[in-house]
């Protein structure tokens, strides 16, 4: 499942509008309001090292902030349990990025700022320190201890009411991630409402993501998927799929119930036959039934 998560999120946040919605709606930092999103530029493969390319969960964007370049280092973490060394991981990744910048032919005299942003959607609560210095014994003066903080965005801790209020494609993604399959069947209209103001290219990318999400959850078989660019198409396409999935669940439940009933019937018949043959006591009959 982590591989599917990584690839799906990499697909979403490789699009500048998803990055913009993520930052403006879910990162509570004043500097975000002054970012020039018209300058968003994905750090391409010719710039990053082979190690970055192997890490499916890392996406780096460059953007202008008050006329100066800033890098957004987006790390997506979908392990079942938190990594307590996350601050050190960020520290190492950012140093690698700086080394790449330094070794460019037009390296700047001063290194640009890097904003470390973590997306976490693991099962366990995120209880990891947000700073490097918290992991280091303060046995020497503080000025010699490395300082670095990252911004944690814990998806499964975002209240449902907040996601419904934000109303963009990223909040719809997080809403889906925080919902059970049964919830999705009855809450499709809520997802559609969250997407009401989105532009076609974002809706299309969300729909592709949602389709793959449902497939990997085993909610329906992979099939040809046509581009969807309006919320009405989202509602129509996925309502059909989710209703079919609901019928499958009911049919499976009915069959399991019949099988259970047949098993209980056989046990009751056996108990009656043994009782007639061996004159079992009521307690013994109960024991036979419990051994079915």
C-alpha atoms as a PDB file:
ATOM      1  CA  UNK A   1       0.000   0.000   0.000  1.00  0.00           C
ATOM      2  CA  UNK A   2       2.784   2.554   0.709  1.00  0.00           C
ATOM      3  CA  UNK A   3       4.027   2.214  -2.894  1.00  0.00           C
ATOM      4  CA  UNK A   4       0.541   2.959  -4.227  1.00  0.00           C
ATOM      5  CA  UNK A   5       0.261   5.921  -1.869  1.00  0.00           C
ATOM      6  CA  UNK A   6       3.643   7.306  -2.884  1.00  0.00           C
ATOM      7  CA  UNK A   7       2.932   7.076  -6.599  1.00  0.00           C
ATOM      8  CA  UNK A   8      -0.579   8.507  -6.299  1.00  0.00           C
ATOM      9  CA  UNK A   9       0.584  11.457  -4.238  1.00  0.00           C
ATOM     10  CA  UNK A  10       3.562  12.018  -6.494  1.00  0.00           C
ATOM     11  CA  UNK A  11       1.080  12.170  -9.381  1.00  0.00           C
ATOM     12  CA  UNK A  12      -1.059  14.762  -7.582  1.00  0.00           C
ATOM     13  CA  UNK A  13       1.672  17.004  -6.260  1.00  0.00           C
ATOM     14  CA  UNK A  14       3.575  17.024  -9.498  1.00  0.00           C
ATOM     15  CA  UNK A  15       0.901  19.486 -10.605  1.00  0.00           C
ATOM     16  CA  UNK A  16       1.426  23.142  -9.559  1.00  0.00           C
ATOM     17  CA  UNK A  17      -2.237  23.777  -8.702  1.00  0.00           C
ATOM     18  CA  UNK A  18      -2.249  20.919  -6.203  1.00  0.00           C
ATOM     19  CA  UNK A  19       0.911  22.314  -4.620  1.00  0.00           C
ATOM     20  CA  UNK A  20      -0.656  25.754  -4.417  1.00  0.00           C
ATOM     21  CA  UNK A  21      -3.809  24.412  -2.755  1.00  0.00           C
ATOM     22  CA  UNK A  22      -1.765  22.341  -0.336  1.00  0.00           C
ATOM     23  CA  UNK A  23       0.328  25.303   0.788  1.00  0.00           C
ATOM     24  CA  UNK A  24      -2.379  27.963   0.945  1.00  0.00           C
ATOM     25  CA  UNK A  25      -5.010  25.775   2.629  1.00  0.00           C
ATOM     26  CA  UNK A  26      -3.014  23.514   4.942  1.00  0.00           C
ATOM     27  CA  UNK A  27       0.235  25.271   5.843  1.00  0.00           C
ATOM     28  CA  UNK A  28      -0.418  27.822   8.573  1.00  0.00           C
ATOM     29  CA  UNK A  29       2.650  29.992   8.040  1.00  0.00           C
ATOM     30  CA  UNK A  30       2.503  33.732   7.161  1.00  0.00           C
ATOM     31  CA  UNK A  31       5.190  33.524   4.454  1.00  0.00           C
ATOM     32  CA  UNK A  32       2.961  31.262   2.353  1.00  0.00           C
ATOM     33  CA  UNK A  33       0.624  34.192   1.634  1.00  0.00           C
ATOM     34  CA  UNK A  34       3.511  36.030  -0.036  1.00  0.00           C
ATOM     35  CA  UNK A  35       4.639  33.219  -2.347  1.00  0.00           C
ATOM     36  CA  UNK A  36       4.367  33.990  -6.054  1.00  0.00           C
ATOM     37  CA  UNK A  37       2.602  30.860  -7.311  1.00  0.00           C
ATOM     38  CA  UNK A  38       2.925  32.001 -10.906  1.00  0.00           C
ATOM     39  CA  UNK A  39       6.645  31.172 -10.564  1.00  0.00           C
ATOM     40  CA  UNK A  40       6.194  27.592  -9.337  1.00  0.00           C
ATOM     41  CA  UNK A  41       8.766  25.433 -11.082  1.00  0.00           C
ATOM     42  CA  UNK A  42       9.236  21.703 -10.582  1.00  0.00           C
ATOM     43  CA  UNK A  43      12.844  20.729  -9.950  1.00  0.00           C
ATOM     44  CA  UNK A  44      13.450  18.450 -12.919  1.00  0.00           C
ATOM     45  CA  UNK A  45      15.309  15.177 -13.240  1.00  0.00           C
ATOM     46  CA  UNK A  46      18.371  16.808 -14.805  1.00  0.00           C
ATOM     47  CA  UNK A  47      18.883  18.757 -11.595  1.00  0.00           C
ATOM     48  CA  UNK A  48      18.278  16.178  -8.897  1.00  0.00           C
ATOM     49  CA  UNK A  49      20.635  13.336  -8.061  1.00  0.00           C
ATOM     50  CA  UNK A  50      19.945   9.653  -8.842  1.00  0.00           C
ATOM     51  CA  UNK A  51      19.237   9.186  -5.139  1.00  0.00           C
ATOM     52  CA  UNK A  52      16.400  11.725  -5.311  1.00  0.00           C
ATOM     53  CA  UNK A  53      14.971   9.963  -8.350  1.00  0.00           C
ATOM     54  CA  UNK A  54      14.882   6.668  -6.448  1.00  0.00           C
ATOM     55  CA  UNK A  55      12.917   8.253  -3.631  1.00  0.00           C
ATOM     56  CA  UNK A  56       9.394   8.186  -4.989  1.00  0.00           C
ATOM     57  CA  UNK A  57       8.135  10.075  -1.962  1.00  0.00           C
ATOM     58  CA  UNK A  58      10.154  13.275  -2.542  1.00  0.00           C
ATOM     59  CA  UNK A  59       8.993  16.192  -4.682  1.00  0.00           C
ATOM     60  CA  UNK A  60      10.864  19.482  -4.895  1.00  0.00           C
ATOM     61  CA  UNK A  61       9.449  22.766  -6.171  1.00  0.00           C
ATOM     62  CA  UNK A  62      11.074  26.149  -6.629  1.00  0.00           C
ATOM     63  CA  UNK A  63       9.079  29.351  -6.103  1.00  0.00           C
ATOM     64  CA  UNK A  64       9.698  33.071  -5.672  1.00  0.00           C
ATOM     65  CA  UNK A  65       9.222  34.661  -2.256  1.00  0.00           C
ATOM     66  CA  UNK A  66       9.611  38.437  -2.175  1.00  0.00           C
ATOM     67  CA  UNK A  67      11.838  38.285  -5.216  1.00  0.00           C
ATOM     68  CA  UNK A  68      14.066  35.500  -3.892  1.00  0.00           C
ATOM     69  CA  UNK A  69      13.983  31.769  -4.714  1.00  0.00           C
ATOM     70  CA  UNK A  70      12.655  29.335  -2.129  1.00  0.00           C
ATOM     71  CA  UNK A  71      12.549  25.552  -2.424  1.00  0.00           C
ATOM     72  CA  UNK A  72       9.597  23.518  -1.186  1.00  0.00           C
ATOM     73  CA  UNK A  73      10.808  20.067  -0.183  1.00  0.00           C
ATOM     74  CA  UNK A  74       7.730  17.844   0.008  1.00  0.00           C
ATOM     75  CA  UNK A  75       8.279  14.455   1.632  1.00  0.00           C
ATOM     76  CA  UNK A  76       5.392  11.999   1.738  1.00  0.00           C
ATOM     77  CA  UNK A  77       5.471   9.400   4.485  1.00  0.00           C
ATOM     78  CA  UNK A  78       3.031   6.479   4.455  1.00  0.00           C
ATOM     79  CA  UNK A  79       4.690   3.942   6.716  1.00  0.00           C
ATOM     80  CA  UNK A  80       2.426   2.304   9.264  1.00  0.00           C
ATOM     81  CA  UNK A  81       4.492   3.720  12.124  1.00  0.00           C
ATOM     82  CA  UNK A  82       6.299   7.071  12.490  1.00  0.00           C
ATOM     83  CA  UNK A  83      10.034   7.379  11.898  1.00  0.00           C
ATOM     84  CA  UNK A  84      11.494   9.012  15.006  1.00  0.00           C
ATOM     85  CA  UNK A  85      14.534  10.096  12.993  1.00  0.00           C
ATOM     86  CA  UNK A  86      12.488  12.144  10.541  1.00  0.00           C
ATOM     87  CA  UNK A  87      14.221  15.444  11.478  1.00  0.00           C
ATOM     88  CA  UNK A  88      17.600  13.911  10.620  1.00  0.00           C
ATOM     89  CA  UNK A  89      16.251  12.568   7.339  1.00  0.00           C
ATOM     90  CA  UNK A  90      15.102  16.041   6.380  1.00  0.00           C
ATOM     91  CA  UNK A  91      18.450  17.461   7.412  1.00  0.00           C
ATOM     92  CA  UNK A  92      20.317  15.002   5.193  1.00  0.00           C
ATOM     93  CA  UNK A  93      18.002  15.525   2.208  1.00  0.00           C
ATOM     94  CA  UNK A  94      18.305  19.302   2.418  1.00  0.00           C
ATOM     95  CA  UNK A  95      22.100  19.126   2.646  1.00  0.00           C
ATOM     96  CA  UNK A  96      22.056  16.926  -0.478  1.00  0.00           C
ATOM     97  CA  UNK A  97      19.927  19.523  -2.221  1.00  0.00           C
ATOM     98  CA  UNK A  98      22.326  22.302  -1.218  1.00  0.00           C
ATOM     99  CA  UNK A  99      25.281  20.309  -2.523  1.00  0.00           C
ATOM    100  CA  UNK A 100      23.539  19.969  -5.874  1.00  0.00           C
ATOM    101  CA  UNK A 101      22.868  23.715  -5.968  1.00  0.00           C
ATOM    102  CA  UNK A 102      26.504  24.468  -5.101  1.00  0.00           C
ATOM    103  CA  UNK A 103      27.814  22.241  -7.881  1.00  0.00           C
ATOM    104  CA  UNK A 104      25.757  23.908 -10.578  1.00  0.00           C
ATOM    105  CA  UNK A 105      27.658  26.138 -12.976  1.00  0.00           C
ATOM    106  CA  UNK A 106      25.643  29.171 -11.840  1.00  0.00           C
ATOM    107  CA  UNK A 107      25.663  28.464  -8.121  1.00  0.00           C
ATOM    108  CA  UNK A 108      24.518  31.450  -5.999  1.00  0.00           C
ATOM    109  CA  UNK A 109      26.737  33.202  -3.484  1.00  0.00           C
ATOM    110  CA  UNK A 110      24.087  32.591  -0.812  1.00  0.00           C
ATOM    111  CA  UNK A 111      22.067  29.388  -0.633  1.00  0.00           C
ATOM    112  CA  UNK A 112      18.272  29.669  -0.971  1.00  0.00           C
ATOM    113  CA  UNK A 113      15.879  28.839   1.847  1.00  0.00           C
ATOM    114  CA  UNK A 114      14.276  25.390   1.850  1.00  0.00           C
ATOM    115  CA  UNK A 115      10.866  24.750   3.423  1.00  0.00           C
ATOM    116  CA  UNK A 116      10.634  21.091   4.627  1.00  0.00           C
ATOM    117  CA  UNK A 117       7.026  19.885   4.441  1.00  0.00           C
ATOM    118  CA  UNK A 118       5.959  16.423   5.592  1.00  0.00           C
ATOM    119  CA  UNK A 119       2.751  14.670   4.486  1.00  0.00           C
ATOM    120  CA  UNK A 120       1.967  11.768   6.810  1.00  0.00           C
ATOM    121  CA  UNK A 121      -0.945   9.357   6.539  1.00  0.00           C
ATOM    122  CA  UNK A 122       0.211   6.338   8.507  1.00  0.00           C
ATOM    123  CA  UNK A 123      -2.029   4.416  10.885  1.00  0.00           C
ATOM    124  CA  UNK A 124      -0.181   5.312  14.082  1.00  0.00           C
ATOM    125  CA  UNK A 125      -0.349   8.807  15.598  1.00  0.00           C
ATOM    126  CA  UNK A 126       2.541  11.085  14.639  1.00  0.00           C
ATOM    127  CA  UNK A 127       4.501  11.542  17.888  1.00  0.00           C
ATOM    128  CA  UNK A 128       7.899  12.440  16.431  1.00  0.00           C
ATOM    129  CA  UNK A 129       9.930  15.524  17.265  1.00  0.00           C
ATOM    130  CA  UNK A 130       9.787  18.356  14.728  1.00  0.00           C
ATOM    131  CA  UNK A 131      13.353  19.524  15.357  1.00  0.00           C
ATOM    132  CA  UNK A 132      16.820  18.044  14.940  1.00  0.00           C
ATOM    133  CA  UNK A 133      18.130  19.514  18.190  1.00  0.00           C
ATOM    134  CA  UNK A 134      15.533  17.522  20.164  1.00  0.00           C
ATOM    135  CA  UNK A 135      17.344  14.351  19.073  1.00  0.00           C
ATOM    136  CA  UNK A 136      20.785  15.505  20.189  1.00  0.00           C
ATOM    137  CA  UNK A 137      22.208  15.460  23.695  1.00  0.00           C
ATOM    138  CA  UNK A 138      22.722  19.142  24.757  1.00  0.00           C
ATOM    139  CA  UNK A 139      26.048  18.440  26.451  1.00  0.00           C
ATOM    140  CA  UNK A 140      27.856  21.261  24.647  1.00  0.00           C
ATOM    141  CA  UNK A 141      26.818  24.895  24.026  1.00  0.00           C
ATOM    142  CA  UNK A 142      23.585  25.253  22.059  1.00  0.00           C
ATOM    143  CA  UNK A 143      25.236  27.179  19.211  1.00  0.00           C
ATOM    144  CA  UNK A 144      27.125  24.004  18.238  1.00  0.00           C
ATOM    145  CA  UNK A 145      23.957  21.900  18.017  1.00  0.00           C
ATOM    146  CA  UNK A 146      22.326  21.691  14.548  1.00  0.00           C
ATOM    147  CA  UNK A 147      18.971  23.463  14.255  1.00  0.00           C
ATOM    148  CA  UNK A 148      16.347  22.471  11.709  1.00  0.00           C
ATOM    149  CA  UNK A 149      12.566  22.141  11.877  1.00  0.00           C
ATOM    150  CA  UNK A 150      10.088  20.659   9.421  1.00  0.00           C
ATOM    151  CA  UNK A 151       6.368  21.332   9.025  1.00  0.00           C
ATOM    152  CA  UNK A 152       4.268  18.205   9.736  1.00  0.00           C
ATOM    153  CA  UNK A 153       0.928  17.847   7.973  1.00  0.00           C
ATOM    154  CA  UNK A 154      -0.824  14.857   9.548  1.00  0.00           C
ATOM    155  CA  UNK A 155      -3.607  13.948   7.150  1.00  0.00           C
ATOM    156  CA  UNK A 156      -5.637  11.644   9.375  1.00  0.00           C
ATOM    157  CA  UNK A 157      -5.662  14.252  12.153  1.00  0.00           C
ATOM    158  CA  UNK A 158      -7.401  16.943  10.083  1.00  0.00           C
ATOM    159  CA  UNK A 159     -11.029  17.376  11.249  1.00  0.00           C
ATOM    160  CA  UNK A 160     -13.704  16.456   8.718  1.00  0.00           C
ATOM    161  CA  UNK A 161     -15.418  19.793   9.232  1.00  0.00           C
ATOM    162  CA  UNK A 162     -12.241  21.616   8.205  1.00  0.00           C
ATOM    163  CA  UNK A 163     -11.918  19.567   5.011  1.00  0.00           C
ATOM    164  CA  UNK A 164     -15.544  20.266   4.066  1.00  0.00           C
ATOM    165  CA  UNK A 165     -15.039  23.968   4.711  1.00  0.00           C
ATOM    166  CA  UNK A 166     -11.838  24.356   2.668  1.00  0.00           C
ATOM    167  CA  UNK A 167     -13.395  22.989  -0.537  1.00  0.00           C
ATOM    168  CA  UNK A 168     -10.632  22.260  -3.004  1.00  0.00           C
ATOM    169  CA  UNK A 169      -9.154  19.149  -4.613  1.00  0.00           C
ATOM    170  CA  UNK A 170      -6.537  18.599  -1.908  1.00  0.00           C
ATOM    171  CA  UNK A 171      -9.164  18.729   0.841  1.00  0.00           C
ATOM    172  CA  UNK A 172     -11.229  16.247  -1.219  1.00  0.00           C
ATOM    173  CA  UNK A 173      -8.207  13.922  -1.409  1.00  0.00           C
ATOM    174  CA  UNK A 174      -7.689  14.104   2.351  1.00  0.00           C
ATOM    175  CA  UNK A 175     -11.430  13.593   2.930  1.00  0.00           C
ATOM    176  CA  UNK A 176     -11.316  10.397   0.852  1.00  0.00           C
ATOM    177  CA  UNK A 177      -8.164   9.184   2.622  1.00  0.00           C
ATOM    178  CA  UNK A 178      -9.826   9.641   6.004  1.00  0.00           C
ATOM    179  CA  UNK A 179     -12.999   7.773   4.981  1.00  0.00           C
ATOM    180  CA  UNK A 180     -13.750   4.073   5.160  1.00  0.00           C
ATOM    181  CA  UNK A 181     -15.141   2.272   2.081  1.00  0.00           C
ATOM    182  CA  UNK A 182     -18.580   2.318   3.697  1.00  0.00           C
ATOM    183  CA  UNK A 183     -18.274   6.072   4.288  1.00  0.00           C
ATOM    184  CA  UNK A 184     -17.414   6.708   0.647  1.00  0.00           C
ATOM    185  CA  UNK A 185     -20.612   5.026  -0.493  1.00  0.00           C
ATOM    186  CA  UNK A 186     -22.789   7.467   1.445  1.00  0.00           C
ATOM    187  CA  UNK A 187     -20.546  10.552   1.304  1.00  0.00           C
ATOM    188  CA  UNK A 188     -19.934  10.890  -2.430  1.00  0.00           C
ATOM    189  CA  UNK A 189     -22.123  14.011  -2.543  1.00  0.00           C
ATOM    190  CA  UNK A 190     -19.937  15.605   0.134  1.00  0.00           C
ATOM    191  CA  UNK A 191     -16.842  14.950  -1.980  1.00  0.00           C
ATOM    192  CA  UNK A 192     -18.564  16.459  -5.001  1.00  0.00           C
ATOM    193  CA  UNK A 193     -19.520  19.532  -2.947  1.00  0.00           C
ATOM    194  CA  UNK A 194     -15.889  19.989  -1.875  1.00  0.00           C
ATOM    195  CA  UNK A 195     -14.898  20.010  -5.559  1.00  0.00           C
ATOM    196  CA  UNK A 196     -17.579  22.455  -6.708  1.00  0.00           C
ATOM    197  CA  UNK A 197     -15.261  25.394  -7.376  1.00  0.00           C
ATOM    198  CA  UNK A 198     -12.366  23.447  -8.912  1.00  0.00           C
ATOM    199  CA  UNK A 199     -11.058  23.971 -12.447  1.00  0.00           C
ATOM    200  CA  UNK A 200     -11.334  21.153 -15.048  1.00  0.00           C
ATOM    201  CA  UNK A 201      -7.655  20.168 -15.128  1.00  0.00           C
ATOM    202  CA  UNK A 202      -7.625  19.723 -11.347  1.00  0.00           C
ATOM    203  CA  UNK A 203     -10.875  17.742 -11.370  1.00  0.00           C
ATOM    204  CA  UNK A 204      -9.463  15.455 -14.052  1.00  0.00           C
ATOM    205  CA  UNK A 205      -6.324  14.756 -12.027  1.00  0.00           C
ATOM    206  CA  UNK A 206      -8.373  14.180  -8.863  1.00  0.00           C
ATOM    207  CA  UNK A 207     -10.656  11.761 -10.740  1.00  0.00           C
ATOM    208  CA  UNK A 208      -7.693   9.751 -12.010  1.00  0.00           C
ATOM    209  CA  UNK A 209      -6.329   9.620  -8.478  1.00  0.00           C
ATOM    210  CA  UNK A 210      -9.724   8.633  -7.026  1.00  0.00           C
ATOM    211  CA  UNK A 211     -10.189   5.909  -9.621  1.00  0.00           C
ATOM    212  CA  UNK A 212      -6.817   4.369  -8.787  1.00  0.00           C
ATOM    213  CA  UNK A 213      -7.492   4.755  -5.061  1.00  0.00           C
ATOM    214  CA  UNK A 214     -10.699   2.718  -5.318  1.00  0.00           C
ATOM    215  CA  UNK A 215      -9.064   0.073  -7.512  1.00  0.00           C
ATOM    216  CA  UNK A 216      -6.176  -0.511  -5.113  1.00  0.00           C
ATOM    217  CA  UNK A 217      -8.658  -0.730  -2.247  1.00  0.00           C
ATOM    218  CA  UNK A 218     -10.289  -3.631  -4.136  1.00  0.00           C
ATOM    219  CA  UNK A 219     -13.549  -1.745  -4.473  1.00  0.00           C
ATOM    220  CA  UNK A 220     -13.828  -2.536  -8.178  1.00  0.00           C
ATOM    221  CA  UNK A 221     -11.835  -4.060 -10.996  1.00  0.00           C
ATOM    222  CA  UNK A 222      -9.540  -1.917 -13.199  1.00  0.00           C
ATOM    223  CA  UNK A 223     -11.224  -0.876 -16.410  1.00  0.00           C
ATOM    224  CA  UNK A 224     -10.968   1.713 -19.128  1.00  0.00           C
ATOM    225  CA  UNK A 225     -11.276   5.140 -17.561  1.00  0.00           C
ATOM    226  CA  UNK A 226     -12.365   8.160 -19.551  1.00  0.00           C
ATOM    227  CA  UNK A 227     -11.255  11.715 -18.696  1.00  0.00           C
ATOM    228  CA  UNK A 228     -13.527  13.491 -16.227  1.00  0.00           C
ATOM    229  CA  UNK A 229     -13.368  17.285 -16.044  1.00  0.00           C
ATOM    230  CA  UNK A 230     -16.599  18.350 -14.282  1.00  0.00           C
ATOM    231  CA  UNK A 231     -18.025  17.632 -10.850  1.00  0.00           C
ATOM    232  CA  UNK A 232     -21.220  16.253 -12.401  1.00  0.00           C
ATOM    233  CA  UNK A 233     -19.119  13.660 -14.254  1.00  0.00           C
ATOM    234  CA  UNK A 234     -17.363  12.806 -10.997  1.00  0.00           C
ATOM    235  CA  UNK A 235     -20.736  12.226  -9.356  1.00  0.00           C
ATOM    236  CA  UNK A 236     -22.067  10.127 -12.239  1.00  0.00           C
ATOM    237  CA  UNK A 237     -19.011   7.933 -12.749  1.00  0.00           C
ATOM    238  CA  UNK A 238     -18.207   7.149  -9.138  1.00  0.00           C
ATOM    239  CA  UNK A 239     -21.811   6.841  -7.977  1.00  0.00           C
ATOM    240  CA  UNK A 240     -22.197   3.962 -10.418  1.00  0.00           C
ATOM    241  CA  UNK A 241     -18.980   2.316  -9.225  1.00  0.00           C
ATOM    242  CA  UNK A 242     -19.712   2.752  -5.528  1.00  0.00           C
ATOM    243  CA  UNK A 243     -23.291   1.517  -5.880  1.00  0.00           C
ATOM    244  CA  UNK A 244     -21.990  -1.605  -7.635  1.00  0.00           C
ATOM    245  CA  UNK A 245     -19.495  -2.105  -4.815  1.00  0.00           C
ATOM    246  CA  UNK A 246     -22.275  -1.735  -2.230  1.00  0.00           C
ATOM    247  CA  UNK A 247     -24.298  -4.441  -4.010  1.00  0.00           C
ATOM    248  CA  UNK A 248     -21.253  -6.715  -3.953  1.00  0.00           C
ATOM    249  CA  UNK A 249     -20.928  -6.225  -0.207  1.00  0.00           C
ATOM    250  CA  UNK A 250     -24.608  -6.990   0.361  1.00  0.00           C
ATOM    251  CA  UNK A 251     -24.439 -10.081  -1.838  1.00  0.00           C
ATOM    252  CA  UNK A 252     -21.336 -11.290  -0.035  1.00  0.00           C
ATOM    253  CA  UNK A 253     -23.039 -10.705   3.308  1.00  0.00           C
ATOM    254  CA  UNK A 254     -26.138 -12.580   2.130  1.00  0.00           C
ATOM    255  CA  UNK A 255     -24.066 -15.550   0.966  1.00  0.00           C
ATOM    256  CA  UNK A 256     -22.099 -15.632   4.204  1.00  0.00           C
ATOM    257  CA  UNK A 257     -25.353 -15.483   6.134  1.00  0.00           C
ATOM    258  CA  UNK A 258     -26.811 -18.395   4.149  1.00  0.00           C
ATOM    259  CA  UNK A 259     -23.642 -20.422   4.637  1.00  0.00           C
ATOM    260  CA  UNK A 260     -23.688 -19.683   8.348  1.00  0.00           C
ATOM    261  CA  UNK A 261     -27.355 -20.655   8.466  1.00  0.00           C
ATOM    262  CA  UNK A 262     -26.670 -23.938   6.661  1.00  0.00           C
ATOM    263  CA  UNK A 263     -23.869 -24.663   9.126  1.00  0.00           C
ATOM    264  CA  UNK A 264     -26.121 -23.940  12.085  1.00  0.00           C
ATOM    265  CA  UNK A 265     -28.853 -26.111  10.577  1.00  0.00           C
ATOM    266  CA  UNK A 266     -26.480 -29.056  10.144  1.00  0.00           C
ATOM    267  CA  UNK A 267     -25.286 -28.698  13.722  1.00  0.00           C
ATOM    268  CA  UNK A 268     -28.859 -28.637  15.022  1.00  0.00           C
ATOM    269  CA  UNK A 269     -29.762 -31.731  12.977  1.00  0.00           C
ATOM    270  CA  UNK A 270     -26.684 -33.592  14.276  1.00  0.00           C
ATOM    271  CA  UNK A 271     -27.569 -32.667  17.845  1.00  0.00           C
ATOM    272  CA  UNK A 272     -31.109 -33.990  17.414  1.00  0.00           C
ATOM    273  CA  UNK A 273     -29.868 -37.252  15.914  1.00  0.00           C
ATOM    274  CA  UNK A 274     -27.312 -37.795  18.673  1.00  0.00           C
ATOM    275  CA  UNK A 275     -29.890 -36.963  21.302  1.00  0.00           C
ATOM    276  CA  UNK A 276     -32.277 -39.579  19.968  1.00  0.00           C
ATOM    277  CA  UNK A 277     -29.530 -42.202  19.664  1.00  0.00           C
ATOM    278  CA  UNK A 278     -27.649 -41.589  22.893  1.00  0.00           C
ATOM    279  CA  UNK A 279     -30.210 -39.631  24.945  1.00  0.00           C
ATOM    280  CA  UNK A 280     -27.897 -36.658  25.507  1.00  0.00           C
ATOM    281  CA  UNK A 281     -28.613 -34.127  28.217  1.00  0.00           C
ATOM    282  CA  UNK A 282     -29.504 -30.497  27.232  1.00  0.00           C
ATOM    283  CA  UNK A 283     -25.988 -29.358  28.250  1.00  0.00           C
ATOM    284  CA  UNK A 284     -24.401 -32.008  26.060  1.00  0.00           C
ATOM    285  CA  UNK A 285     -26.605 -30.996  23.132  1.00  0.00           C
ATOM    286  CA  UNK A 286     -25.413 -27.412  23.597  1.00  0.00           C
ATOM    287  CA  UNK A 287     -21.783 -28.613  23.539  1.00  0.00           C
ATOM    288  CA  UNK A 288     -22.375 -30.457  20.238  1.00  0.00           C
ATOM    289  CA  UNK A 289     -23.840 -27.279  18.686  1.00  0.00           C
ATOM    290  CA  UNK A 290     -20.895 -25.205  19.899  1.00  0.00           C
ATOM    291  CA  UNK A 291     -18.467 -27.626  18.233  1.00  0.00           C
ATOM    292  CA  UNK A 292     -19.891 -27.047  14.750  1.00  0.00           C
END
